[in-house]
PDB file of N, CA and C in Angstrom:
ATOM      1  N   MET A   1     103.355 181.640  39.076  1.00  0.00           N
ATOM      2  CA  MET A   1     104.048 180.857  40.069  1.00  0.00           C
ATOM      3  C   MET A   1     103.861 181.465  41.464  1.00  0.00           C
ATOM      4  N   ILE A   2     104.002 182.758  41.570  1.00  0.00           N
ATOM      5  CA  ILE A   2     103.865 183.405  42.875  1.00  0.00           C
ATOM      6  C   ILE A   2     102.421 183.322  43.358  1.00  0.00           C
ATOM      7  N   PHE A   3     101.501 183.673  42.476  1.00  0.00           N
ATOM      8  CA  PHE A   3     100.089 183.657  42.853  1.00  0.00           C
ATOM      9  C   PHE A   3      99.639 182.249  43.222  1.00  0.00           C
ATOM     10  N   THR A   4     100.070 181.269  42.456  1.00  0.00           N
ATOM     11  CA  THR A   4      99.693 179.882  42.721  1.00  0.00           C
ATOM     12  C   THR A   4     100.207 179.419  44.081  1.00  0.00           C
ATOM     13  N   SER A   5     101.448 179.744  44.397  1.00  0.00           N
ATOM     14  CA  SER A   5     102.022 179.327  45.678  1.00  0.00           C
ATOM     15  C   SER A   5     101.323 180.003  46.849  1.00  0.00           C
ATOM     16  N   VAL A   6     101.015 181.278  46.711  1.00  0.00           N
ATOM     17  CA  VAL A   6     100.342 181.992  47.795  1.00  0.00           C
ATOM     18  C   VAL A   6      98.933 181.441  48.008  1.00  0.00           C
ATOM     19  N   VAL A   7      98.220 181.175  46.926  1.00  0.00           N
ATOM     20  CA  VAL A   7      96.865 180.639  47.042  1.00  0.00           C
ATOM     21  C   VAL A   7      96.892 179.243  47.668  1.00  0.00           C
ATOM     22  N   LEU A   8      97.845 178.414  47.272  1.00  0.00           N
ATOM     23  CA  LEU A   8      97.956 177.085  47.873  1.00  0.00           C
ATOM     24  C   LEU A   8      98.285 177.171  49.359  1.00  0.00           C
ATOM     25  N   ALA A   9      99.193 178.069  49.722  1.00  0.00           N
ATOM     26  CA  ALA A   9      99.543 178.223  51.131  1.00  0.00           C
ATOM     27  C   ALA A   9      98.348 178.711  51.940  1.00  0.00           C
ATOM     28  N   LEU A  10      97.594 179.642  51.383  1.00  0.00           N
ATOM     29  CA  LEU A  10      96.394 180.106  52.087  1.00  0.00           C
ATOM     30  C   LEU A  10      95.353 178.999  52.196  1.00  0.00           C
ATOM     31  N   GLY A  11      95.233 178.186  51.170  1.00  0.00           N
ATOM     32  CA  GLY A  11      94.296 177.074  51.213  1.00  0.00           C
ATOM     33  C   GLY A  11      94.651 176.071  52.291  1.00  0.00           C
ATOM     34  N   PHE A  12      95.930 175.745  52.410  1.00  0.00           N
ATOM     35  CA  PHE A  12      96.342 174.815  53.458  1.00  0.00           C
ATOM     36  C   PHE A  12      96.289 175.453  54.836  1.00  0.00           C
ATOM     37  N   SER A  13      96.452 176.772  54.912  1.00  0.00           N
ATOM     38  CA  SER A  13      96.396 177.421  56.218  1.00  0.00           C
ATOM     39  C   SER A  13      94.978 177.417  56.795  1.00  0.00           C
ATOM     40  N   VAL A  14      93.978 177.186  55.971  1.00  0.00           N
ATOM     41  CA  VAL A  14      92.604 177.060  56.463  1.00  0.00           C
ATOM     42  C   VAL A  14      92.493 175.840  57.379  1.00  0.00           C
ATOM     43  N   LEU A  15      93.333 174.836  57.140  1.00  0.00           N
ATOM     44  CA  LEU A  15      93.310 173.644  57.981  1.00  0.00           C
ATOM     45  C   LEU A  15      93.716 173.951  59.419  1.00  0.00           C
ATOM     46  N   MET A  16      94.343 175.101  59.647  1.00  0.00           N
ATOM     47  CA  MET A  16      94.749 175.444  61.010  1.00  0.00           C
ATOM     48  C   MET A  16      93.559 175.792  61.903  1.00  0.00           C
ATOM     49  N   ALA A  17      92.377 175.908  61.330  1.00  0.00           N
ATOM     50  CA  ALA A  17      91.169 176.158  62.114  1.00  0.00           C
ATOM     51  C   ALA A  17      90.450 174.858  62.474  1.00  0.00           C
ATOM     52  N   ALA A  18      91.047 173.720  62.136  1.00  0.00           N
ATOM     53  CA  ALA A  18      90.409 172.428  62.400  1.00  0.00           C
ATOM     54  C   ALA A  18      90.462 172.094  63.890  1.00  0.00           C
ATOM     55  N   GLY A  19      89.666 171.151  64.264  1.00  0.00           N
ATOM     56  CA  GLY A  19      89.595 170.746  65.658  1.00  0.00           C
ATOM     57  C   GLY A  19      90.672 169.751  66.054  1.00  0.00           C
ATOM     58  N   SER A  20      91.133 168.964  65.116  1.00  0.00           N
ATOM     59  CA  SER A  20      92.149 167.953  65.397  1.00  0.00           C
ATOM     60  C   SER A  20      93.540 168.572  65.290  1.00  0.00           C
ATOM     61  N   ILE A  21      94.371 168.347  66.298  1.00  0.00           N
ATOM     62  CA  ILE A  21      95.687 168.969  66.329  1.00  0.00           C
ATOM     63  C   ILE A  21      96.586 168.440  65.216  1.00  0.00           C
ATOM     64  N   SER A  22      96.403 167.183  64.814  1.00  0.00           N
ATOM     65  CA  SER A  22      97.235 166.640  63.740  1.00  0.00           C
ATOM     66  C   SER A  22      96.917 167.311  62.406  1.00  0.00           C
ATOM     67  N   ILE A  23      95.657 167.641  62.175  1.00  0.00           N
ATOM     68  CA  ILE A  23      95.283 168.340  60.942  1.00  0.00           C
ATOM     69  C   ILE A  23      95.807 169.770  60.977  1.00  0.00           C
ATOM     70  N   VAL A  24      95.799 170.388  62.148  1.00  0.00           N
ATOM     71  CA  VAL A  24      96.350 171.742  62.296  1.00  0.00           C
ATOM     72  C   VAL A  24      97.835 171.735  61.956  1.00  0.00           C
ATOM     73  N   TYR A  25      98.573 170.750  62.487  1.00  0.00           N
ATOM     74  CA  TYR A  25     100.006 170.656  62.202  1.00  0.00           C
ATOM     75  C   TYR A  25     100.273 170.374  60.725  1.00  0.00           C
ATOM     76  N   PHE A  26      99.415 169.554  60.112  1.00  0.00           N
ATOM     77  CA  PHE A  26      99.573 169.276  58.690  1.00  0.00           C
ATOM     78  C   PHE A  26      99.387 170.545  57.870  1.00  0.00           C
ATOM     79  N   GLY A  27      98.371 171.345  58.190  1.00  0.00           N
ATOM     80  CA  GLY A  27      98.147 172.601  57.474  1.00  0.00           C
ATOM     81  C   GLY A  27      99.305 173.558  57.645  1.00  0.00           C
ATOM     82  N   LEU A  28      99.837 173.635  58.855  1.00  0.00           N
ATOM     83  CA  LEU A  28     100.990 174.505  59.116  1.00  0.00           C
ATOM     84  C   LEU A  28     102.217 174.033  58.348  1.00  0.00           C
ATOM     85  N   LEU A  29     102.461 172.737  58.364  1.00  0.00           N
ATOM     86  CA  LEU A  29     103.613 172.181  57.656  1.00  0.00           C
ATOM     87  C   LEU A  29     103.493 172.387  56.147  1.00  0.00           C
ATOM     88  N   ALA A  30     102.316 172.122  55.588  1.00  0.00           N
ATOM     89  CA  ALA A  30     102.130 172.260  54.145  1.00  0.00           C
ATOM     90  C   ALA A  30     102.272 173.716  53.715  1.00  0.00           C
ATOM     91  N   ALA A  31     101.668 174.642  54.446  1.00  0.00           N
ATOM     92  CA  ALA A  31     101.762 176.055  54.089  1.00  0.00           C
ATOM     93  C   ALA A  31     103.196 176.551  54.195  1.00  0.00           C
ATOM     94  N   THR A  32     103.905 176.125  55.228  1.00  0.00           N
ATOM     95  CA  THR A  32     105.297 176.533  55.400  1.00  0.00           C
ATOM     96  C   THR A  32     106.180 175.964  54.293  1.00  0.00           C
ATOM     97  N   ALA A  33     105.939 174.718  53.926  1.00  0.00           N
ATOM     98  CA  ALA A  33     106.731 174.091  52.865  1.00  0.00           C
ATOM     99  C   ALA A  33     106.505 174.774  51.521  1.00  0.00           C
ATOM    100  N   ILE A  34     105.272 175.129  51.225  1.00  0.00           N
ATOM    101  CA  ILE A  34     104.977 175.783  49.951  1.00  0.00           C
ATOM    102  C   ILE A  34     105.610 177.168  49.901  1.00  0.00           C
ATOM    103  N   LEU A  35     105.517 177.924  50.990  1.00  0.00           N
ATOM    104  CA  LEU A  35     106.136 179.254  51.013  1.00  0.00           C
ATOM    105  C   LEU A  35     107.663 179.153  51.009  1.00  0.00           C
ATOM    106  N   GLY A  36     108.205 178.127  51.638  1.00  0.00           N
ATOM    107  CA  GLY A  36     109.654 177.912  51.581  1.00  0.00           C
ATOM    108  C   GLY A  36     110.128 177.562  50.185  1.00  0.00           C
ATOM    109  N   ALA A  37     109.349 176.759  49.482  1.00  0.00           N
ATOM    110  CA  ALA A  37     109.690 176.422  48.099  1.00  0.00           C
ATOM    111  C   ALA A  37     109.601 177.656  47.205  1.00  0.00           C
ATOM    112  N   LEU A  38     108.625 178.513  47.457  1.00  0.00           N
ATOM    113  CA  LEU A  38     108.517 179.753  46.687  1.00  0.00           C
ATOM    114  C   LEU A  38     109.727 180.645  46.941  1.00  0.00           C
ATOM    115  N   ALA A  39     110.136 180.759  48.200  1.00  0.00           N
ATOM    116  CA  ALA A  39     111.316 181.566  48.523  1.00  0.00           C
ATOM    117  C   ALA A  39     112.565 181.001  47.857  1.00  0.00           C
ATOM    118  N   ALA A  40     112.686 179.683  47.841  1.00  0.00           N
ATOM    119  CA  ALA A  40     113.835 179.073  47.168  1.00  0.00           C
ATOM    120  C   ALA A  40     113.793 179.326  45.666  1.00  0.00           C
ATOM    121  N   ASP A  41     112.612 179.257  45.072  1.00  0.00           N
ATOM    122  CA  ASP A  41     112.485 179.541  43.643  1.00  0.00           C
ATOM    123  C   ASP A  41     112.893 180.970  43.317  1.00  0.00           C
ATOM    124  N   LEU A  42     112.519 181.891  44.181  1.00  0.00           N
ATOM    125  CA  LEU A  42     112.763 183.302  43.889  1.00  0.00           C
ATOM    126  C   LEU A  42     114.166 183.767  44.296  1.00  0.00           C
ATOM    127  N   LEU A  43     114.785 183.132  45.279  1.00  0.00           N
ATOM    128  CA  LEU A  43     116.069 183.612  45.791  1.00  0.00           C
ATOM    129  C   LEU A  43     117.245 182.697  45.452  1.00  0.00           C
ATOM    130  N   VAL A  44     117.095 181.419  45.691  1.00  0.00           N
ATOM    131  CA  VAL A  44     118.221 180.511  45.534  1.00  0.00           C
ATOM    132  C   VAL A  44     118.464 180.163  44.070  1.00  0.00           C
ATOM    133  N   LEU A  45     117.428 179.864  43.329  1.00  0.00           N
ATOM    134  CA  LEU A  45     117.593 179.456  41.937  1.00  0.00           C
ATOM    135  C   LEU A  45     118.271 180.519  41.081  1.00  0.00           C
ATOM    136  N   PRO A  46     117.885 181.799  41.155  1.00  0.00           N
ATOM    137  CA  PRO A  46     118.614 182.796  40.354  1.00  0.00           C
ATOM    138  C   PRO A  46     120.087 182.915  40.750  1.00  0.00           C
ATOM    139  N   ALA A  47     120.374 182.796  42.031  1.00  0.00           N
ATOM    140  CA  ALA A  47     121.767 182.860  42.465  1.00  0.00           C
ATOM    141  C   ALA A  47     122.574 181.685  41.918  1.00  0.00           C
ATOM    142  N   LEU A  48     121.979 180.509  41.895  1.00  0.00           N
ATOM    143  CA  LEU A  48     122.667 179.355  41.332  1.00  0.00           C
ATOM    144  C   LEU A  48     122.876 179.500  39.824  1.00  0.00           C
ATOM    145  N   LEU A  49     121.897 180.043  39.153  1.00  0.00           N
ATOM    146  CA  LEU A  49     122.035 180.230  37.708  1.00  0.00           C
ATOM    147  C   LEU A  49     123.093 181.266  37.371  1.00  0.00           C
ATOM    148  N   LEU A  50     123.201 182.308  38.176  1.00  0.00           N
ATOM    149  CA  LEU A  50     124.199 183.346  37.926  1.00  0.00           C
ATOM    150  C   LEU A  50     125.614 182.899  38.298  1.00  0.00           C
ATOM    151  N   SER A  51     125.716 181.945  39.194  1.00  0.00           N
ATOM    152  CA  SER A  51     127.044 181.497  39.617  1.00  0.00           C
ATOM    153  C   SER A  51     127.747 180.702  38.526  1.00  0.00           C
ATOM    154  N   GLY A  52     126.986 180.160  37.598  1.00  0.00           N
ATOM    155  CA  GLY A  52     127.571 179.441  36.477  1.00  0.00           C
ATOM    156  C   GLY A  52     127.998 178.031  36.787  1.00  0.00           C
ATOM    157  N   SER A  53     127.644 177.532  37.947  1.00  0.00           N
ATOM    158  CA  SER A  53     128.015 176.167  38.276  1.00  0.00           C
ATOM    159  C   SER A  53     127.087 175.187  37.569  1.00  0.00           C
ATOM    160  N   SER A  54     127.676 174.164  36.999  1.00  0.00           N
ATOM    161  CA  SER A  54     126.857 173.155  36.331  1.00  0.00           C
ATOM    162  C   SER A  54     126.939 171.857  37.113  1.00  0.00           C
ATOM    163  N   ALA A  55     125.822 171.157  37.146  1.00  0.00           N
ATOM    164  CA  ALA A  55     125.767 169.920  37.912  1.00  0.00           C
ATOM    165  C   ALA A  55     126.125 168.734  37.051  1.00  0.00           C
TER     166      ALA A  55
END
């Protein structure tokens, strides 16, 4: 999970070298979203599971 997210974020960050500004923003947004989802998986989910709250 960690390796996959990092590789995907690096893959999308390659788009930041593009000539079109919209593609650069897309690469930045996608890489940030993937790393944010990884951080949520690693930090928020365990805290929610330990809190014992059920949905």
